[in-house]
Amino acid sequence: MTPQQASAWPVRRTMIFGFLGVFALLGGVIAWIAFSSISGAVVASGQIEVDRNRQVVQHIDGGIVAEILVEEGDVVEVGQVLLRLDATDLISQLRITENQLFEMMARRGRLEAERDEADEIHFAPELLTLKDTRPDVADFVQGQLRLFQARRESVEREVAQLDKRASQIKDQILGIQAQQKATREQLDLIQEELNNQQALFDRGLAQASVVVNLERNQADLEGRLGELTASEAQARGRITELEIEALGLRTQRQETAIGQLRDMRYRERQLMENRRAMRDRLDRMDIVAPVSGVVYGLAVKTPRSVIRPAEPLLYLVPQDRPLVISAQVAPTDIDQIYVGQSVSVRLPALDQRRTPELFGTVTRVSADAFQDDASGRSFYRSEIQLDPGELERLPEGTSLVPGMPVSSFLKTADRSPLAYLIKPLTDYFARAFRES
């Protein structure tokens, strides 16, 4: 080996070792890219929520706020009064409706008594209970009692007058019957005398004029008897008419009561329904907490505020329900999300040096996409439940509250780095080699 070759050998050896090192490194990288695997995950942002979310408090009717009994952040129990609405107008309307209803109920009691020809009115138990405490109801009851008595006495007076007239006619009939008896007796006497005179006339011992006069008197008496009989029949017919007229007075009273009862039934039912609806509204004047929780988003700030029907007044965040994580998954990743999927969770709001990564499981995936009203972005909603014991791993004094942001990593199938590198190319060529 010449001196020149001896001096060049170290340089070539260094280059050879360098190239071998580069080739070894490239080979190692290529082998790692091709044959190693990296855990896949879908990244989804979200927040901590209460299971079944917060409870909105609304009012079906709306109205004017009289009292605000809670403040933002107050802890309330189920059934506790939160707001109280002004019921002044509603109470006035209810009073008017009840007065109309009670007056109609008292009237109905009187009409039913007239229909049944009862001796007294049987009012509804509600009226009998209220008349001792409410003067207006007592006035309704007393007014109908007086009207019932007056109408009854009026009919009785008219019937008594008809009975008196019938009694007078009966006395006339007795007089007619006495006249009929006397006339018949006269006819018997004339008939006897006529028979005697006829026998004498037949033997020539009596004059014809005497016989004719007797026959004439007999005919007059028979005519008189016929008139008396006709007068009696006429009088009896008049008595029958008076009896029918008296019965008609009672029947007319019943028919009038029946007709008025029929007409007022619908109105009374309508008033009862109106009263029931107003009482329901009065019961809703106190807006109570449907669940126990913390007051959040109180929209009513001052008394006398006007609220619209179904307007959200405040929210209650339940404290006795478990916390869940709501994550928003992009529609392009939804095919990789399923119930039971493992999830790792980070809490950006907490100190990352002291806060460990938490683990959980997907418990629910929405069946359809939602749309963010602010950004217009579509997403699928997935719920994540932390595994048992994960909350105990948080630093002492740390607590999770609804609304806290969360970064979720939903684990998917493992893939090689090469698959990650070539996926954009394969997706591009899959779209590029299509006939437009």
Protein backbone atom coordinates (compact mmCIF):
# COMPACT_ATOMS: atom_id res chain seq x y z
CA MET A 1 0.00 0.00 0.00
CA THR A 2 1.45 3.32 -1.06
CA PRO A 3 1.67 6.24 1.34
CA GLN A 4 -1.14 8.01 -0.52
CA GLN A 5 -3.45 5.00 -0.19
CA ALA A 6 -2.60 4.64 3.47
CA SER A 7 -3.53 8.25 4.16
CA ALA A 8 -6.87 8.00 2.16
CA TRP A 9 -8.08 4.80 3.90
CA PRO A 10 -9.27 6.45 7.14
CA VAL A 11 -11.35 8.90 5.15
CA ARG A 12 -13.03 6.15 3.09
CA ARG A 13 -13.57 4.08 6.21
CA THR A 14 -15.31 6.98 7.90
CA MET A 15 -17.52 7.52 4.84
CA ILE A 16 -18.38 3.83 4.67
CA PHE A 17 -19.34 3.73 8.33
CA GLY A 18 -21.36 6.93 7.83
CA PHE A 19 -23.28 5.53 4.88
CA LEU A 20 -23.87 2.27 6.73
CA GLY A 21 -25.19 4.24 9.70
CA VAL A 22 -27.51 6.27 7.47
CA PHE A 23 -28.76 3.15 5.71
CA ALA A 24 -29.30 1.43 9.06
CA LEU A 25 -31.20 4.44 10.39
CA LEU A 26 -33.35 4.65 7.24
CA GLY A 27 -33.98 0.94 7.40
CA GLY A 28 -34.98 1.17 11.02
CA VAL A 29 -37.31 4.08 10.34
CA ILE A 30 -38.85 2.30 7.36
CA ALA A 31 -39.28 -0.86 9.40
CA TRP A 32 -40.85 1.11 12.25
CA ILE A 33 -43.20 2.92 9.86
CA ALA A 34 -44.24 -0.28 8.15
CA PHE A 35 -44.48 -2.75 11.01
CA SER A 36 -45.05 -0.85 14.25
CA SER A 37 -48.55 0.16 15.44
CA ILE A 38 -49.87 3.35 17.01
CA SER A 39 -53.03 3.51 19.07
CA GLY A 40 -55.72 5.42 17.16
CA ALA A 41 -58.17 7.85 18.71
CA VAL A 42 -60.92 10.24 17.71
CA VAL A 43 -60.47 13.60 19.40
CA ALA A 44 -63.71 15.23 20.54
CA SER A 45 -64.24 18.33 22.63
CA GLY A 46 -67.08 18.60 25.06
CA GLN A 47 -68.10 19.55 28.56
CA ILE A 48 -69.24 18.08 31.83
CA GLU A 49 -73.01 17.86 32.26
CA VAL A 50 -75.47 16.50 34.76
CA ASP A 51 -77.15 13.25 33.82
CA ARG A 52 -80.44 14.17 32.09
CA ASN A 53 -79.10 17.73 31.97
CA ARG A 54 -80.41 20.81 33.73
CA GLN A 55 -84.11 21.27 34.39
CA VAL A 56 -85.75 24.31 32.81
CA VAL A 57 -88.44 26.08 34.86
CA GLN A 58 -91.27 27.63 32.83
CA HIS A 59 -94.85 28.79 33.34
CA ILE A 60 -97.63 27.63 31.05
CA ASP A 61 -99.74 30.79 31.36
CA GLY A 62 -97.31 33.63 31.98
CA GLY A 63 -98.24 36.71 33.99
CA ILE A 64 -96.84 39.42 36.26
CA VAL A 65 -94.19 38.51 38.83
CA ALA A 66 -95.18 39.48 42.38
CA GLU A 67 -92.27 37.99 44.34
CA ILE A 68 -88.84 36.57 43.53
CA LEU A 69 -87.96 34.16 46.33
CA VAL A 70 -84.59 32.82 45.09
CA GLU A 71 -81.33 34.21 43.79
CA GLU A 72 -78.70 32.98 41.39
CA GLY A 73 -76.77 30.07 42.91
CA ASP A 74 -79.29 29.24 45.63
CA VAL A 75 -79.73 25.58 46.51
CA VAL A 76 -83.43 24.66 46.48
CA GLU A 77 -85.42 21.56 47.33
CA VAL A 78 -88.10 19.94 45.21
CA GLY A 79 -91.45 21.68 45.76
CA GLN A 80 -89.88 24.88 47.08
CA VAL A 81 -91.52 28.11 45.83
CA LEU A 82 -89.21 29.95 43.44
CA LEU A 83 -91.39 32.75 42.08
CA ARG A 84 -94.90 33.96 42.90
CA LEU A 85 -97.12 35.58 40.28
CA ASP A 86 -99.68 38.33 40.86
CA ALA A 87 -103.12 36.71 41.18
CA THR A 88 -105.22 39.87 41.75
CA ASP A 89 -106.95 39.91 38.36
CA LEU A 90 -107.43 36.16 38.36
CA ILE A 91 -109.01 36.21 41.83
CA SER A 92 -111.42 38.93 40.67
CA GLN A 93 -112.37 36.92 37.59
CA LEU A 94 -112.83 33.80 39.71
CA ARG A 95 -115.09 35.72 42.11
CA ILE A 96 -117.30 36.90 39.25
CA THR A 97 -117.47 33.42 37.73
CA GLU A 98 -118.28 31.83 41.09
CA ASN A 99 -121.05 34.36 41.76
CA GLN A 100 -122.61 33.53 38.41
CA LEU A 101 -122.26 29.82 39.12
CA PHE A 102 -123.67 29.99 42.66
CA GLU A 103 -126.62 32.08 41.51
CA MET A 104 -127.32 29.51 38.81
CA MET A 105 -126.98 26.61 41.28
CA ALA A 106 -129.47 28.27 43.64
CA ARG A 107 -131.81 28.87 40.72
CA ARG A 108 -131.46 25.25 39.64
CA GLY A 109 -132.46 24.09 43.14
CA ARG A 110 -135.61 26.21 42.98
CA LEU A 111 -136.53 25.01 39.48
CA GLU A 112 -136.03 21.37 40.44
CA ALA A 113 -138.36 21.86 43.41
CA GLU A 114 -140.98 23.44 41.12
CA ARG A 115 -140.54 20.64 38.60
CA ASP A 116 -141.07 17.97 41.27
CA GLU A 117 -143.80 19.98 43.06
CA ALA A 118 -141.77 19.63 46.25
CA ASP A 119 -142.70 21.41 49.44
CA GLU A 120 -139.16 22.74 49.94
CA ILE A 121 -135.96 23.36 47.99
CA HIS A 122 -133.02 20.99 48.31
CA PHE A 123 -129.99 23.12 47.46
CA ALA A 124 -126.59 21.72 46.47
CA PRO A 125 -124.39 20.83 49.49
CA GLU A 126 -121.76 23.35 48.34
CA LEU A 127 -124.28 26.19 48.60
CA LEU A 128 -125.42 25.09 52.05
CA THR A 129 -121.80 25.02 53.20
CA LEU A 130 -120.87 28.41 51.76
CA LYS A 131 -123.98 30.36 52.73
CA ASP A 132 -122.81 30.51 56.36
CA THR A 133 -119.49 32.14 55.43
CA ARG A 134 -120.28 34.06 52.24
CA PRO A 135 -123.06 36.67 52.38
CA ASP A 136 -123.43 36.73 48.60
CA VAL A 137 -124.19 33.00 48.52
CA ALA A 138 -126.66 33.44 51.39
CA ASP A 139 -128.39 36.17 49.35
CA PHE A 140 -128.68 33.83 46.37
CA VAL A 141 -130.22 31.10 48.53
CA GLN A 142 -132.65 33.44 50.29
CA GLY A 143 -133.65 35.08 47.03
CA GLN A 144 -134.56 31.76 45.45
CA LEU A 145 -136.42 30.69 48.60
CA ARG A 146 -138.52 33.86 48.48
CA LEU A 147 -139.16 33.46 44.77
CA PHE A 148 -140.13 29.81 45.25
CA GLN A 149 -142.56 30.72 48.02
CA ALA A 150 -144.03 33.64 46.06
CA ARG A 151 -144.56 31.59 42.89
CA ARG A 152 -146.02 28.75 44.89
CA GLU A 153 -148.42 31.05 46.74
CA SER A 154 -149.41 32.71 43.47
CA VAL A 155 -150.33 29.37 41.92
CA GLU A 156 -152.12 28.30 45.07
CA ARG A 157 -154.16 31.53 45.09
CA GLU A 158 -155.18 31.06 41.48
CA VAL A 159 -156.06 27.43 42.13
CA ALA A 160 -158.04 28.46 45.23
CA GLN A 161 -160.00 30.97 43.17
CA LEU A 162 -160.79 28.30 40.61
CA ASP A 163 -161.82 25.91 43.38
CA LYS A 164 -164.08 28.61 44.83
CA ARG A 165 -165.73 29.17 41.47
CA ALA A 166 -166.18 25.42 41.09
CA SER A 167 -167.75 25.28 44.56
CA GLN A 168 -170.18 28.04 43.59
CA ILE A 169 -171.15 26.14 40.46
CA LYS A 170 -171.68 23.02 42.53
CA ASP A 171 -174.09 25.02 44.71
CA GLN A 172 -175.86 26.11 41.54
CA ILE A 173 -176.11 22.47 40.50
CA LEU A 174 -177.75 21.65 43.83
CA GLY A 175 -180.31 24.40 43.16
CA ILE A 176 -180.91 23.09 39.65
CA GLN A 177 -181.35 19.58 40.98
CA ALA A 178 -183.92 20.89 43.52
CA GLN A 179 -185.80 22.61 40.71
CA GLN A 180 -185.65 19.40 38.69
CA LYS A 181 -187.16 17.48 41.61
CA ALA A 182 -189.97 20.00 42.06
CA THR A 183 -190.70 20.00 38.34
CA ARG A 184 -190.88 16.22 38.26
CA GLU A 185 -193.30 16.27 41.21
CA GLN A 186 -195.44 18.81 39.38
CA LEU A 187 -195.36 16.61 36.30
CA ASP A 188 -196.50 13.64 38.36
CA LEU A 189 -199.43 15.65 39.76
CA ILE A 190 -200.41 17.02 36.38
CA GLN A 191 -200.15 13.54 34.89
CA GLU A 192 -202.48 12.18 37.58
CA GLU A 193 -204.98 15.03 37.10
CA LEU A 194 -204.73 14.65 33.33
CA ASN A 195 -205.58 10.96 33.60
CA ASN A 196 -208.66 11.77 35.72
CA GLN A 197 -209.88 14.52 33.41
CA GLN A 198 -209.28 12.31 30.38
CA ALA A 199 -211.45 9.59 31.91
CA LEU A 200 -214.22 12.11 32.66
CA PHE A 201 -213.84 13.57 29.16
CA ASP A 202 -214.21 10.15 27.63
CA ARG A 203 -217.54 9.74 29.49
CA GLY A 204 -218.62 13.28 28.58
CA LEU A 205 -218.37 14.56 32.08
CA ALA A 206 -215.48 17.02 31.47
CA GLN A 207 -214.77 19.76 29.03
CA ALA A 208 -212.09 19.43 26.35
CA SER A 209 -210.52 22.77 27.28
CA VAL A 210 -209.62 21.46 30.70
CA VAL A 211 -207.83 18.47 29.20
CA VAL A 212 -205.99 20.70 26.71
CA ASN A 213 -204.86 23.10 29.44
CA LEU A 214 -203.51 20.22 31.49
CA GLU A 215 -201.63 18.85 28.47
CA ARG A 216 -200.24 22.32 27.81
CA ASN A 217 -199.03 22.65 31.41
CA GLN A 218 -197.50 19.18 31.19
CA ALA A 219 -195.57 20.16 28.05
CA ASP A 220 -194.34 23.37 29.69
CA LEU A 221 -193.09 21.46 32.73
CA GLU A 222 -191.32 18.89 30.54
CA GLY A 223 -189.65 21.74 28.65
CA ARG A 224 -188.66 23.32 31.91
CA LEU A 225 -187.22 20.01 33.13
CA GLY A 226 -185.19 19.74 29.92
CA GLU A 227 -183.79 23.23 30.44
CA LEU A 228 -182.84 22.39 34.00
CA THR A 229 -181.12 19.19 32.84
CA ALA A 230 -179.19 21.17 30.22
CA SER A 231 -178.21 23.77 32.82
CA GLU A 232 -176.92 21.04 35.11
CA ALA A 233 -174.85 19.53 32.31
CA GLN A 234 -173.49 22.95 31.42
CA ALA A 235 -172.56 23.61 35.04
CA ARG A 236 -170.81 20.28 35.34
CA GLY A 237 -168.91 21.04 32.14
CA ARG A 238 -167.81 24.34 33.60
CA ILE A 239 -166.54 22.55 36.72
CA THR A 240 -164.51 20.25 34.50
CA GLU A 241 -163.05 23.27 32.70
CA LEU A 242 -162.07 24.85 36.02
CA GLU A 243 -160.41 21.63 37.16
CA ILE A 244 -158.48 21.46 33.89
CA GLU A 245 -157.49 25.11 34.27
CA ALA A 246 -156.24 24.46 37.82
CA LEU A 247 -154.27 21.46 36.62
CA GLY A 248 -152.91 23.60 33.78
CA LEU A 249 -151.56 26.14 36.24
CA ARG A 250 -149.54 23.46 38.01
CA THR A 251 -148.49 21.86 34.72
CA GLN A 252 -147.44 25.21 33.28
CA ARG A 253 -145.28 25.81 36.34
CA GLN A 254 -143.62 22.42 35.87
CA GLU A 255 -143.13 22.89 32.11
CA THR A 256 -141.60 26.32 32.67
CA ALA A 257 -139.20 24.85 35.24
CA ILE A 258 -138.26 21.96 32.93
CA GLY A 259 -137.59 24.32 30.01
CA GLN A 260 -135.44 26.65 32.09
CA LEU A 261 -133.50 23.72 33.56
CA ARG A 262 -132.77 22.41 30.08
CA ASP A 263 -131.53 25.81 28.92
CA MET A 264 -129.29 26.42 31.93
CA ARG A 265 -127.53 23.05 32.07
CA TYR A 266 -125.00 23.94 29.36
CA ARG A 267 -124.32 27.36 30.89
CA GLU A 268 -123.82 25.86 34.34
CA ARG A 269 -121.38 23.24 33.01
CA GLN A 270 -119.51 25.99 31.19
CA LEU A 271 -119.22 28.06 34.36
CA MET A 272 -118.04 25.05 36.35
CA GLU A 273 -115.37 24.34 33.75
CA ASN A 274 -114.28 28.00 33.78
CA ARG A 275 -114.04 27.92 37.58
CA ARG A 276 -111.99 24.71 37.48
CA ALA A 277 -109.60 26.24 34.94
CA MET A 278 -109.22 29.41 37.02
CA ARG A 279 -108.56 27.42 40.17
CA ASP A 280 -105.89 25.45 38.32
CA ARG A 281 -104.31 28.72 37.24
CA LEU A 282 -104.43 29.99 40.82
CA ASP A 283 -102.67 26.84 41.97
CA ARG A 284 -99.95 27.65 39.43
CA MET A 285 -99.39 31.18 40.75
CA ASP A 286 -96.64 29.71 42.92
CA ILE A 287 -93.86 28.47 40.64
CA VAL A 288 -92.18 25.61 42.49
CA ALA A 289 -88.98 23.67 41.91
CA PRO A 290 -89.64 20.45 39.95
CA VAL A 291 -86.36 18.97 41.20
CA SER A 292 -83.78 19.73 43.84
CA GLY A 293 -80.76 21.62 42.58
CA VAL A 294 -78.90 24.90 42.18
CA VAL A 295 -80.55 27.96 40.61
CA TYR A 296 -78.85 28.89 37.37
CA GLY A 297 -79.65 31.45 34.67
CA LEU A 298 -82.31 33.38 36.60
CA ALA A 299 -83.98 35.51 33.91
CA VAL A 300 -86.38 37.44 36.17
CA LYS A 301 -84.60 40.19 38.07
CA THR A 302 -87.30 42.50 39.50
CA PRO A 303 -90.90 42.21 40.71
CA ARG A 304 -93.70 43.33 38.35
CA SER A 305 -91.79 41.85 35.43
CA VAL A 306 -94.02 40.37 32.75
CA ILE A 307 -93.29 36.80 31.68
CA ARG A 308 -94.63 35.16 28.53
CA PRO A 309 -96.17 31.68 28.44
CA ALA A 310 -93.54 28.91 28.32
CA GLU A 311 -90.70 31.45 28.63
CA PRO A 312 -87.64 29.97 30.44
CA LEU A 313 -87.48 31.65 33.84
CA LEU A 314 -84.50 29.83 35.31
CA TYR A 315 -82.68 26.51 35.27
CA LEU A 316 -82.06 24.04 38.05
CA VAL A 317 -78.84 22.05 37.98
CA PRO A 318 -79.53 18.84 39.92
CA GLN A 319 -76.97 17.94 42.57
CA ASP A 320 -78.08 14.39 43.28
CA ARG A 321 -77.48 13.02 39.79
CA PRO A 322 -74.21 11.66 38.39
CA LEU A 323 -72.00 13.78 36.16
CA VAL A 324 -71.50 12.74 32.56
CA ILE A 325 -69.25 14.04 29.81
CA SER A 326 -70.94 15.22 26.63
CA ALA A 327 -68.58 15.06 23.65
CA GLN A 328 -69.20 16.44 20.17
CA VAL A 329 -68.02 14.01 17.49
CA ALA A 330 -67.49 15.16 13.91
CA PRO A 331 -69.78 13.45 11.37
CA THR A 332 -66.69 12.16 9.52
CA ASP A 333 -65.64 10.18 12.61
CA ILE A 334 -69.01 8.82 13.69
CA ASP A 335 -68.40 5.46 12.02
CA GLN A 336 -65.61 4.83 14.56
CA ILE A 337 -67.73 5.57 17.65
CA TYR A 338 -69.74 2.92 19.47
CA VAL A 339 -71.22 2.26 22.91
CA GLY A 340 -68.71 0.63 25.25
CA GLN A 341 -65.73 2.30 23.57
CA SER A 342 -62.81 3.18 25.86
CA VAL A 343 -62.09 6.87 26.32
CA SER A 344 -59.30 8.88 27.91
CA VAL A 345 -60.23 12.30 29.21
CA ARG A 346 -58.23 15.45 29.90
CA LEU A 347 -59.50 18.49 31.79
CA PRO A 348 -57.99 21.67 30.27
CA ALA A 349 -59.47 23.86 33.02
CA LEU A 350 -57.32 22.17 35.69
CA ASP A 351 -53.56 22.23 36.27
CA GLN A 352 -52.23 19.69 33.77
CA ARG A 353 -49.11 18.98 35.84
CA ARG A 354 -51.18 17.84 38.82
CA THR A 355 -54.27 16.47 37.07
CA PRO A 356 -53.97 12.92 35.74
CA GLU A 357 -55.59 11.59 32.62
CA LEU A 358 -58.96 10.00 33.45
CA PHE A 359 -60.54 7.00 31.78
CA GLY A 360 -64.13 6.20 30.95
CA THR A 361 -66.53 4.50 28.56
CA VAL A 362 -68.97 5.69 25.89
CA THR A 363 -72.49 5.04 27.21
CA ARG A 364 -74.63 6.66 24.54
CA VAL A 365 -74.35 7.90 20.94
CA SER A 366 -77.03 10.08 19.35
CA ALA A 367 -78.99 8.52 16.49
CA ASP A 368 -78.77 11.66 14.36
CA ALA A 369 -76.61 14.73 14.05
CA PHE A 370 -77.20 17.98 15.92
CA GLN A 371 -76.39 21.46 14.69
CA ASP A 372 -74.69 24.17 16.70
CA ASP A 373 -76.90 27.25 16.50
CA ALA A 374 -73.95 29.61 16.90
CA SER A 375 -71.50 28.12 14.39
CA GLY A 376 -73.82 26.02 12.24
CA ARG A 377 -71.46 23.07 12.66
CA SER A 378 -72.97 19.59 12.69
CA PHE A 379 -71.95 17.01 15.28
CA TYR A 380 -73.02 13.78 16.92
CA ARG A 381 -73.49 13.79 20.67
CA SER A 382 -71.85 11.05 22.68
CA GLU A 383 -72.05 10.60 26.43
CA ILE A 384 -69.06 9.35 28.40
CA GLN A 385 -69.22 7.88 31.89
CA LEU A 386 -66.03 7.88 33.95
CA ASP A 387 -64.91 4.52 35.26
CA PRO A 388 -65.41 3.78 38.98
CA GLY A 389 -62.69 5.30 41.14
CA GLU A 390 -61.50 7.83 38.54
CA LEU A 391 -62.77 10.87 40.44
CA GLU A 392 -60.75 9.79 43.48
CA ARG A 393 -57.57 10.18 41.42
CA LEU A 394 -58.08 13.93 41.12
CA PRO A 395 -55.96 16.17 43.35
CA GLU A 396 -57.39 16.82 46.79
CA GLY A 397 -59.90 19.68 46.81
CA THR A 398 -60.62 19.35 43.08
CA SER A 399 -64.23 18.92 42.02
CA LEU A 400 -65.93 18.69 38.66
CA VAL A 401 -68.79 21.09 37.96
CA PRO A 402 -71.26 21.22 35.07
CA GLY A 403 -70.01 23.26 32.14
CA MET A 404 -66.30 22.47 32.65
CA PRO A 405 -64.57 21.88 29.25
CA VAL A 406 -63.24 18.42 28.44
CA SER A 407 -60.96 16.97 25.76
CA SER A 408 -61.89 13.38 24.99
CA PHE A 409 -59.83 10.80 23.13
CA LEU A 410 -62.06 7.96 21.96
CA LYS A 411 -59.78 5.03 21.26
CA THR A 412 -60.02 3.35 17.85
CA ALA A 413 -58.15 0.48 16.13
CA ASP A 414 -54.32 0.49 16.08
CA ARG A 415 -52.67 1.44 12.77
CA SER A 416 -49.10 1.65 11.48
CA PRO A 417 -47.45 5.03 10.87
CA LEU A 418 -47.33 4.12 7.17
CA ALA A 419 -51.13 3.86 7.12
CA TYR A 420 -51.38 7.34 8.62
CA LEU A 421 -48.97 8.69 5.98
CA ILE A 422 -50.60 7.16 2.92
CA LYS A 423 -54.27 7.67 3.99
CA PRO A 424 -54.41 11.28 2.66
CA LEU A 425 -52.98 10.05 -0.65
CA THR A 426 -55.41 7.15 -0.94
CA ASP A 427 -58.33 9.43 -0.09
CA TYR A 428 -57.16 11.95 -2.69
CA PHE A 429 -56.76 9.36 -5.43
CA ALA A 430 -60.11 7.79 -4.50
CA ARG A 431 -61.73 11.12 -5.33
CA ALA A 432 -59.43 12.07 -8.17
CA PHE A 433 -59.96 9.00 -10.38
CA ARG A 434 -63.70 9.53 -10.73
CA GLU A 435 -65.46 10.51 -13.89
CA SER A 436 -66.89 14.02 -13.46
